[in-house]
Amino acid sequence: MQRHERRLLGKAAISVEGRISIKQTPDRAWPRDHARLRLLERAGSLQWVGTQAGPHIGGTFATWAITAQGRARLGDLEPEETR
């Protein structure tokens, strides 16, 4: 697993709802992590939740939830002594 995949799945795994969101830029482009999250979605590690307006004007967020498969991928990376 690549470092950015572990980072993104880890963020989703530690959140209370098991979700990760990213904010669309003011020029309506998505940060690089959007493409990375889509790849994790296609691999079955994340499930698309949707887009929604944030609590402030002009903020749109894309959200994914970690799947059991995504949690298992993270668990497979843990050292044996911490399991």
PDB file of N, CA and C in Angstrom:
ATOM      1  N   MET A   1       0.857  -1.170   0.000  1.00  0.00           N
ATOM      2  CA  MET A   1       0.000   0.000   0.000  1.00  0.00           C
ATOM      3  C   MET A   1       0.902   1.232   0.000  1.00  0.00           C
ATOM      4  N   GLN A   2       0.534   2.202  -0.801  1.00  0.00           N
ATOM      5  CA  GLN A   2       1.318   3.431  -0.874  1.00  0.00           C
ATOM      6  C   GLN A   2       1.046   4.305   0.345  1.00  0.00           C
ATOM      7  N   ARG A   3       1.979   5.196   0.633  1.00  0.00           N
ATOM      8  CA  ARG A   3       1.888   6.042   1.814  1.00  0.00           C
ATOM      9  C   ARG A   3       0.602   6.878   1.830  1.00  0.00           C
ATOM     10  N   HIS A   4       0.223   7.442   0.676  1.00  0.00           N
ATOM     11  CA  HIS A   4      -0.989   8.274   0.658  1.00  0.00           C
ATOM     12  C   HIS A   4      -2.245   7.430   0.873  1.00  0.00           C
ATOM     13  N   GLU A   5      -2.236   6.176   0.421  1.00  0.00           N
ATOM     14  CA  GLU A   5      -3.382   5.297   0.656  1.00  0.00           C
ATOM     15  C   GLU A   5      -3.528   5.006   2.144  1.00  0.00           C
ATOM     16  N   ARG A   6      -2.423   4.696   2.786  1.00  0.00           N
ATOM     17  CA  ARG A   6      -2.447   4.432   4.227  1.00  0.00           C
ATOM     18  C   ARG A   6      -2.890   5.679   4.993  1.00  0.00           C
ATOM     19  N   ARG A   7      -2.386   6.841   4.578  1.00  0.00           N
ATOM     20  CA  ARG A   7      -2.743   8.102   5.243  1.00  0.00           C
ATOM     21  C   ARG A   7      -4.236   8.360   5.134  1.00  0.00           C
ATOM     22  N   LEU A   8      -4.798   8.231   3.938  1.00  0.00           N
ATOM     23  CA  LEU A   8      -6.216   8.518   3.732  1.00  0.00           C
ATOM     24  C   LEU A   8      -7.114   7.502   4.424  1.00  0.00           C
ATOM     25  N   LEU A   9      -6.782   6.225   4.311  1.00  0.00           N
ATOM     26  CA  LEU A   9      -7.574   5.198   4.999  1.00  0.00           C
ATOM     27  C   LEU A   9      -7.466   5.362   6.516  1.00  0.00           C
ATOM     28  N   GLY A  10      -6.282   5.713   6.994  1.00  0.00           N
ATOM     29  CA  GLY A  10      -6.090   5.928   8.430  1.00  0.00           C
ATOM     30  C   GLY A  10      -6.942   7.076   8.950  1.00  0.00           C
ATOM     31  N   LYS A  11      -7.030   8.157   8.181  1.00  0.00           N
ATOM     32  CA  LYS A  11      -7.870   9.290   8.591  1.00  0.00           C
ATOM     33  C   LYS A  11      -9.334   8.884   8.677  1.00  0.00           C
ATOM     34  N   ALA A  12      -9.790   8.117   7.702  1.00  0.00           N
ATOM     35  CA  ALA A  12     -11.176   7.658   7.729  1.00  0.00           C
ATOM     36  C   ALA A  12     -11.401   6.714   8.907  1.00  0.00           C
ATOM     37  N   ALA A  13     -10.463   5.822   9.152  1.00  0.00           N
ATOM     38  CA  ALA A  13     -10.618   4.812  10.201  1.00  0.00           C
ATOM     39  C   ALA A  13     -10.693   5.422  11.595  1.00  0.00           C
ATOM     40  N   ILE A  14      -9.963   6.505  11.839  1.00  0.00           N
ATOM     41  CA  ILE A  14      -9.954   7.074  13.189  1.00  0.00           C
ATOM     42  C   ILE A  14     -11.072   8.079  13.424  1.00  0.00           C
ATOM     43  N   SER A  15     -11.778   8.481  12.379  1.00  0.00           N
ATOM     44  CA  SER A  15     -12.870   9.431  12.589  1.00  0.00           C
ATOM     45  C   SER A  15     -14.046   8.724  13.266  1.00  0.00           C
ATOM     46  N   VAL A  16     -14.841   9.478  13.979  1.00  0.00           N
ATOM     47  CA  VAL A  16     -15.965   8.920  14.728  1.00  0.00           C
ATOM     48  C   VAL A  16     -16.939   8.181  13.812  1.00  0.00           C
ATOM     49  N   GLU A  17     -17.241   8.753  12.659  1.00  0.00           N
ATOM     50  CA  GLU A  17     -18.192   8.139  11.734  1.00  0.00           C
ATOM     51  C   GLU A  17     -17.534   7.243  10.696  1.00  0.00           C
ATOM     52  N   GLY A  18     -16.205   7.140  10.723  1.00  0.00           N
ATOM     53  CA  GLY A  18     -15.498   6.329   9.734  1.00  0.00           C
ATOM     54  C   GLY A  18     -15.512   6.966   8.360  1.00  0.00           C
ATOM     55  N   ARG A  19     -15.499   8.289   8.335  1.00  0.00           N
ATOM     56  CA  ARG A  19     -15.586   9.005   7.057  1.00  0.00           C
ATOM     57  C   ARG A  19     -14.408   9.945   6.866  1.00  0.00           C
ATOM     58  N   ILE A  20     -14.180  10.253   5.596  1.00  0.00           N
ATOM     59  CA  ILE A  20     -13.176  11.244   5.226  1.00  0.00           C
ATOM     60  C   ILE A  20     -13.802  12.165   4.184  1.00  0.00           C
ATOM     61  N   SER A  21     -13.559  13.464   4.338  1.00  0.00           N
ATOM     62  CA  SER A  21     -14.095  14.462   3.412  1.00  0.00           C
ATOM     63  C   SER A  21     -12.977  15.373   2.946  1.00  0.00           C
ATOM     64  N   ILE A  22     -13.127  15.864   1.720  1.00  0.00           N
ATOM     65  CA  ILE A  22     -12.201  16.877   1.217  1.00  0.00           C
ATOM     66  C   ILE A  22     -13.022  18.024   0.636  1.00  0.00           C
ATOM     67  N   LYS A  23     -12.441  19.208   0.711  1.00  0.00           N
ATOM     68  CA  LYS A  23     -13.140  20.422   0.269  1.00  0.00           C
ATOM     69  C   LYS A  23     -12.725  20.801  -1.146  1.00  0.00           C
ATOM     70  N   GLN A  24     -13.714  21.140  -1.935  1.00  0.00           N
ATOM     71  CA  GLN A  24     -13.479  21.630  -3.290  1.00  0.00           C
ATOM     72  C   GLN A  24     -12.875  23.029  -3.202  1.00  0.00           C
ATOM     73  N   THR A  25     -11.943  23.332  -4.086  1.00  0.00           N
ATOM     74  CA  THR A  25     -11.309  24.650  -4.072  1.00  0.00           C
ATOM     75  C   THR A  25     -12.280  25.710  -4.601  1.00  0.00           C
ATOM     76  N   PRO A  26     -12.016  26.980  -4.316  1.00  0.00           N
ATOM     77  CA  PRO A  26     -12.912  28.048  -4.792  1.00  0.00           C
ATOM     78  C   PRO A  26     -13.097  28.073  -6.309  1.00  0.00           C
ATOM     79  N   ASP A  27     -12.105  27.591  -7.065  1.00  0.00           N
ATOM     80  CA  ASP A  27     -12.251  27.567  -8.524  1.00  0.00           C
ATOM     81  C   ASP A  27     -12.931  26.272  -9.009  1.00  0.00           C
ATOM     82  N   ARG A  28     -13.552  25.547  -8.077  1.00  0.00           N
ATOM     83  CA  ARG A  28     -14.340  24.336  -8.314  1.00  0.00           C
ATOM     84  C   ARG A  28     -13.511  23.130  -8.737  1.00  0.00           C
ATOM     85  N   ALA A  29     -12.210  23.192  -8.507  1.00  0.00           N
ATOM     86  CA  ALA A  29     -11.347  22.035  -8.755  1.00  0.00           C
ATOM     87  C   ALA A  29     -11.255  21.220  -7.465  1.00  0.00           C
ATOM     88  N   TRP A  30     -10.844  19.976  -7.602  1.00  0.00           N
ATOM     89  CA  TRP A  30     -10.660  19.117  -6.429  1.00  0.00           C
ATOM     90  C   TRP A  30      -9.175  18.957  -6.157  1.00  0.00           C
ATOM     91  N   PRO A  31      -8.786  18.891  -4.883  1.00  0.00           N
ATOM     92  CA  PRO A  31      -7.377  18.629  -4.557  1.00  0.00           C
ATOM     93  C   PRO A  31      -6.948  17.254  -5.069  1.00  0.00           C
ATOM     94  N   ARG A  32      -5.660  17.024  -5.127  1.00  0.00           N
ATOM     95  CA  ARG A  32      -5.101  15.771  -5.623  1.00  0.00           C
ATOM     96  C   ARG A  32      -5.655  14.551  -4.874  1.00  0.00           C
ATOM     97  N   ASP A  33      -5.940  14.709  -3.585  1.00  0.00           N
ATOM     98  CA  ASP A  33      -6.461  13.581  -2.812  1.00  0.00           C
ATOM     99  C   ASP A  33      -7.813  13.086  -3.327  1.00  0.00           C
ATOM    100  N   HIS A  34      -8.555  13.907  -4.050  1.00  0.00           N
ATOM    101  CA  HIS A  34      -9.845  13.469  -4.599  1.00  0.00           C
ATOM    102  C   HIS A  34      -9.632  12.273  -5.523  1.00  0.00           C
ATOM    103  N   ALA A  35      -8.663  12.359  -6.408  1.00  0.00           N
ATOM    104  CA  ALA A  35      -8.379  11.245  -7.324  1.00  0.00           C
ATOM    105  C   ALA A  35      -7.896  10.019  -6.552  1.00  0.00           C
ATOM    106  N   ARG A  36      -7.112  10.239  -5.520  1.00  0.00           N
ATOM    107  CA  ARG A  36      -6.626   9.128  -4.702  1.00  0.00           C
ATOM    108  C   ARG A  36      -7.778   8.447  -3.970  1.00  0.00           C
ATOM    109  N   LEU A  37      -8.711   9.238  -3.472  1.00  0.00           N
ATOM    110  CA  LEU A  37      -9.878   8.673  -2.785  1.00  0.00           C
ATOM    111  C   LEU A  37     -10.758   7.901  -3.757  1.00  0.00           C
ATOM    112  N   ARG A  38     -10.883   8.389  -4.974  1.00  0.00           N
ATOM    113  CA  ARG A  38     -11.661   7.660  -5.985  1.00  0.00           C
ATOM    114  C   ARG A  38     -11.030   6.306  -6.305  1.00  0.00           C
ATOM    115  N   LEU A  39      -9.702   6.260  -6.346  1.00  0.00           N
ATOM    116  CA  LEU A  39      -9.012   4.984  -6.575  1.00  0.00           C
ATOM    117  C   LEU A  39      -9.269   4.007  -5.427  1.00  0.00           C
ATOM    118  N   LEU A  40      -9.237   4.514  -4.200  1.00  0.00           N
ATOM    119  CA  LEU A  40      -9.537   3.664  -3.049  1.00  0.00           C
ATOM    120  C   LEU A  40     -10.994   3.194  -3.076  1.00  0.00           C
ATOM    121  N   GLU A  41     -11.875   4.036  -3.581  1.00  0.00           N
ATOM    122  CA  GLU A  41     -13.280   3.654  -3.741  1.00  0.00           C
ATOM    123  C   GLU A  41     -13.391   2.502  -4.751  1.00  0.00           C
ATOM    124  N   ARG A  42     -12.735   2.643  -5.893  1.00  0.00           N
ATOM    125  CA  ARG A  42     -12.790   1.596  -6.915  1.00  0.00           C
ATOM    126  C   ARG A  42     -12.177   0.288  -6.431  1.00  0.00           C
ATOM    127  N   ALA A  43     -11.212   0.380  -5.528  1.00  0.00           N
ATOM    128  CA  ALA A  43     -10.578  -0.818  -4.974  1.00  0.00           C
ATOM    129  C   ALA A  43     -11.427  -1.463  -3.882  1.00  0.00           C
ATOM    130  N   GLY A  44     -12.497  -0.795  -3.460  1.00  0.00           N
ATOM    131  CA  GLY A  44     -13.377  -1.349  -2.442  1.00  0.00           C
ATOM    132  C   GLY A  44     -13.021  -0.971  -1.018  1.00  0.00           C
ATOM    133  N   SER A  45     -12.007  -0.117  -0.833  1.00  0.00           N
ATOM    134  CA  SER A  45     -11.588   0.291   0.504  1.00  0.00           C
ATOM    135  C   SER A  45     -12.444   1.417   1.069  1.00  0.00           C
ATOM    136  N   LEU A  46     -13.079   2.183   0.194  1.00  0.00           N
ATOM    137  CA  LEU A  46     -13.960   3.276   0.590  1.00  0.00           C
ATOM    138  C   LEU A  46     -15.273   3.158  -0.170  1.00  0.00           C
ATOM    139  N   GLN A  47     -16.322   3.730   0.421  1.00  0.00           N
ATOM    140  CA  GLN A  47     -17.626   3.793  -0.244  1.00  0.00           C
ATOM    141  C   GLN A  47     -18.019   5.260  -0.369  1.00  0.00           C
ATOM    142  N   TRP A  48     -18.450   5.644  -1.555  1.00  0.00           N
ATOM    143  CA  TRP A  48     -18.859   7.017  -1.829  1.00  0.00           C
ATOM    144  C   TRP A  48     -20.103   7.348  -1.016  1.00  0.00           C
ATOM    145  N   VAL A  49     -20.077   8.471  -0.308  1.00  0.00           N
ATOM    146  CA  VAL A  49     -21.227   8.942   0.450  1.00  0.00           C
ATOM    147  C   VAL A  49     -21.940  10.034  -0.335  1.00  0.00           C
ATOM    148  N   GLY A  50     -21.169  10.987  -0.906  1.00  0.00           N
ATOM    149  CA  GLY A  50     -21.749  12.041  -1.720  1.00  0.00           C
ATOM    150  C   GLY A  50     -21.065  13.373  -1.502  1.00  0.00           C
ATOM    151  N   THR A  51     -21.625  14.394  -2.116  1.00  0.00           N
ATOM    152  CA  THR A  51     -21.132  15.755  -1.916  1.00  0.00           C
ATOM    153  C   THR A  51     -22.192  16.537  -1.165  1.00  0.00           C
ATOM    154  N   GLN A  52     -21.742  17.518  -0.418  1.00  0.00           N
ATOM    155  CA  GLN A  52     -22.677  18.375   0.308  1.00  0.00           C
ATOM    156  C   GLN A  52     -22.042  19.729   0.562  1.00  0.00           C
ATOM    157  N   ALA A  53     -22.896  20.708   0.730  1.00  0.00           N
ATOM    158  CA  ALA A  53     -22.422  22.048   1.049  1.00  0.00           C
ATOM    159  C   ALA A  53     -21.967  22.061   2.498  1.00  0.00           C
ATOM    160  N   GLY A  54     -20.877  22.756   2.727  1.00  0.00           N
ATOM    161  CA  GLY A  54     -20.352  22.867   4.079  1.00  0.00           C
ATOM    162  C   GLY A  54     -21.086  23.926   4.874  1.00  0.00           C
ATOM    163  N   PRO A  55     -20.663  24.115   6.098  1.00  0.00           N
ATOM    164  CA  PRO A  55     -21.339  25.075   6.974  1.00  0.00           C
ATOM    165  C   PRO A  55     -21.087  26.538   6.618  1.00  0.00           C
ATOM    166  N   HIS A  56     -20.177  26.794   5.701  1.00  0.00           N
ATOM    167  CA  HIS A  56     -19.911  28.177   5.319  1.00  0.00           C
ATOM    168  C   HIS A  56     -20.125  28.363   3.815  1.00  0.00           C
ATOM    169  N   ILE A  57     -20.312  29.573   3.411  1.00  0.00           N
ATOM    170  CA  ILE A  57     -20.617  29.895   2.022  1.00  0.00           C
ATOM    171  C   ILE A  57     -19.483  29.449   1.104  1.00  0.00           C
ATOM    172  N   GLY A  58     -19.850  28.804   0.002  1.00  0.00           N
ATOM    173  CA  GLY A  58     -18.876  28.414  -1.010  1.00  0.00           C
ATOM    174  C   GLY A  58     -18.142  27.118  -0.761  1.00  0.00           C
ATOM    175  N   GLY A  59     -18.446  26.441   0.307  1.00  0.00           N
ATOM    176  CA  GLY A  59     -17.737  25.207   0.616  1.00  0.00           C
ATOM    177  C   GLY A  59     -18.523  23.982   0.175  1.00  0.00           C
ATOM    178  N   THR A  60     -17.936  23.178  -0.690  1.00  0.00           N
ATOM    179  CA  THR A  60     -18.529  21.909  -1.102  1.00  0.00           C
ATOM    180  C   THR A  60     -17.549  20.810  -0.727  1.00  0.00           C
ATOM    181  N   PHE A  61     -18.063  19.764  -0.098  1.00  0.00           N
ATOM    182  CA  PHE A  61     -17.238  18.663   0.373  1.00  0.00           C
ATOM    183  C   PHE A  61     -17.658  17.355  -0.275  1.00  0.00           C
ATOM    184  N   ALA A  62     -16.680  16.547  -0.643  1.00  0.00           N
ATOM    185  CA  ALA A  62     -16.908  15.177  -1.119  1.00  0.00           C
ATOM    186  C   ALA A  62     -16.564  14.259   0.049  1.00  0.00           C
ATOM    187  N   THR A  63     -17.416  13.259   0.276  1.00  0.00           N
ATOM    188  CA  THR A  63     -17.248  12.400   1.455  1.00  0.00           C
ATOM    189  C   THR A  63     -17.293  10.927   1.076  1.00  0.00           C
ATOM    190  N   TRP A  64     -16.415  10.156   1.709  1.00  0.00           N
ATOM    191  CA  TRP A  64     -16.366   8.705   1.570  1.00  0.00           C
ATOM    192  C   TRP A  64     -16.370   8.093   2.962  1.00  0.00           C
ATOM    193  N   ALA A  65     -16.836   6.842   3.054  1.00  0.00           N
ATOM    194  CA  ALA A  65     -16.801   6.072   4.303  1.00  0.00           C
ATOM    195  C   ALA A  65     -15.899   4.859   4.103  1.00  0.00           C
ATOM    196  N   ILE A  66     -15.133   4.539   5.123  1.00  0.00           N
ATOM    197  CA  ILE A  66     -14.261   3.370   5.029  1.00  0.00           C
ATOM    198  C   ILE A  66     -15.112   2.105   5.088  1.00  0.00           C
ATOM    199  N   THR A  67     -14.737   1.116   4.327  1.00  0.00           N
ATOM    200  CA  THR A  67     -15.450  -0.161   4.289  1.00  0.00           C
ATOM    201  C   THR A  67     -14.723  -1.178   5.169  1.00  0.00           C
ATOM    202  N   ALA A  68     -15.360  -2.324   5.369  1.00  0.00           N
ATOM    203  CA  ALA A  68     -14.715  -3.407   6.116  1.00  0.00           C
ATOM    204  C   ALA A  68     -13.429  -3.832   5.410  1.00  0.00           C
ATOM    205  N   GLN A  69     -13.450  -3.831   4.095  1.00  0.00           N
ATOM    206  CA  GLN A  69     -12.254  -4.182   3.322  1.00  0.00           C
ATOM    207  C   GLN A  69     -11.133  -3.174   3.563  1.00  0.00           C
ATOM    208  N   GLY A  70     -11.485  -1.894   3.639  1.00  0.00           N
ATOM    209  CA  GLY A  70     -10.488  -0.861   3.914  1.00  0.00           C
ATOM    210  C   GLY A  70      -9.887  -1.014   5.301  1.00  0.00           C
ATOM    211  N   ARG A  71     -10.731  -1.317   6.291  1.00  0.00           N
ATOM    212  CA  ARG A  71     -10.223  -1.545   7.652  1.00  0.00           C
ATOM    213  C   ARG A  71      -9.308  -2.775   7.689  1.00  0.00           C
ATOM    214  N   ALA A  72      -9.685  -3.802   6.940  1.00  0.00           N
ATOM    215  CA  ALA A  72      -8.858  -5.012   6.888  1.00  0.00           C
ATOM    216  C   ALA A  72      -7.496  -4.717   6.263  1.00  0.00           C
ATOM    217  N   ARG A  73      -7.476  -3.893   5.220  1.00  0.00           N
ATOM    218  CA  ARG A  73      -6.200  -3.519   4.592  1.00  0.00           C
ATOM    219  C   ARG A  73      -5.299  -2.814   5.587  1.00  0.00           C
ATOM    220  N   LEU A  74      -5.879  -1.929   6.404  1.00  0.00           N
ATOM    221  CA  LEU A  74      -5.086  -1.250   7.427  1.00  0.00           C
ATOM    222  C   LEU A  74      -4.625  -2.236   8.490  1.00  0.00           C
ATOM    223  N   GLY A  75      -5.507  -3.148   8.886  1.00  0.00           N
ATOM    224  CA  GLY A  75      -5.155  -4.147   9.893  1.00  0.00           C
ATOM    225  C   GLY A  75      -4.034  -5.051   9.437  1.00  0.00           C
ATOM    226  N   ASP A  76      -3.994  -5.359   8.155  1.00  0.00           N
ATOM    227  CA  ASP A  76      -2.934  -6.206   7.609  1.00  0.00           C
ATOM    228  C   ASP A  76      -1.569  -5.528   7.690  1.00  0.00           C
ATOM    229  N   LEU A  77      -1.566  -4.202   7.812  1.00  0.00           N
ATOM    230  CA  LEU A  77      -0.298  -3.467   7.857  1.00  0.00           C
ATOM    231  C   LEU A  77       0.241  -3.301   9.271  1.00  0.00           C
ATOM    232  N   GLU A  78      -0.603  -3.572  10.293  1.00  0.00           N
ATOM    233  CA  GLU A  78      -0.169  -3.402  11.677  1.00  0.00           C
ATOM    234  C   GLU A  78       0.847  -4.478  12.045  1.00  0.00           C
ATOM    235  N   PRO A  79       1.838  -4.110  12.832  1.00  0.00           N
ATOM    236  CA  PRO A  79       2.768  -5.134  13.329  1.00  0.00           C
ATOM    237  C   PRO A  79       2.017  -6.124  14.222  1.00  0.00           C
ATOM    238  N   GLU A  80       2.430  -7.359  14.225  1.00  0.00           N
ATOM    239  CA  GLU A  80       1.756  -8.418  14.991  1.00  0.00           C
ATOM    240  C   GLU A  80       1.614  -8.067  16.471  1.00  0.00           C
ATOM    241  N   GLU A  81       2.632  -7.447  17.068  1.00  0.00           N
ATOM    242  CA  GLU A  81       2.589  -7.204  18.508  1.00  0.00           C
ATOM    243  C   GLU A  81       1.558  -6.157  18.902  1.00  0.00           C
ATOM    244  N   THR A  82       1.047  -5.343  17.976  1.00  0.00           N
ATOM    245  CA  THR A  82       0.053  -4.325  18.324  1.00  0.00           C
ATOM    246  C   THR A  82      -1.370  -4.793  18.067  1.00  0.00           C
ATOM    247  N   ARG A  83      -1.561  -5.975  17.536  1.00  0.00           N
ATOM    248  CA  ARG A  83      -2.905  -6.476  17.252  1.00  0.00           C
ATOM    249  C   ARG A  83      -3.566  -7.018  18.475  1.00  0.00           C
TER     250      ARG A  83
END
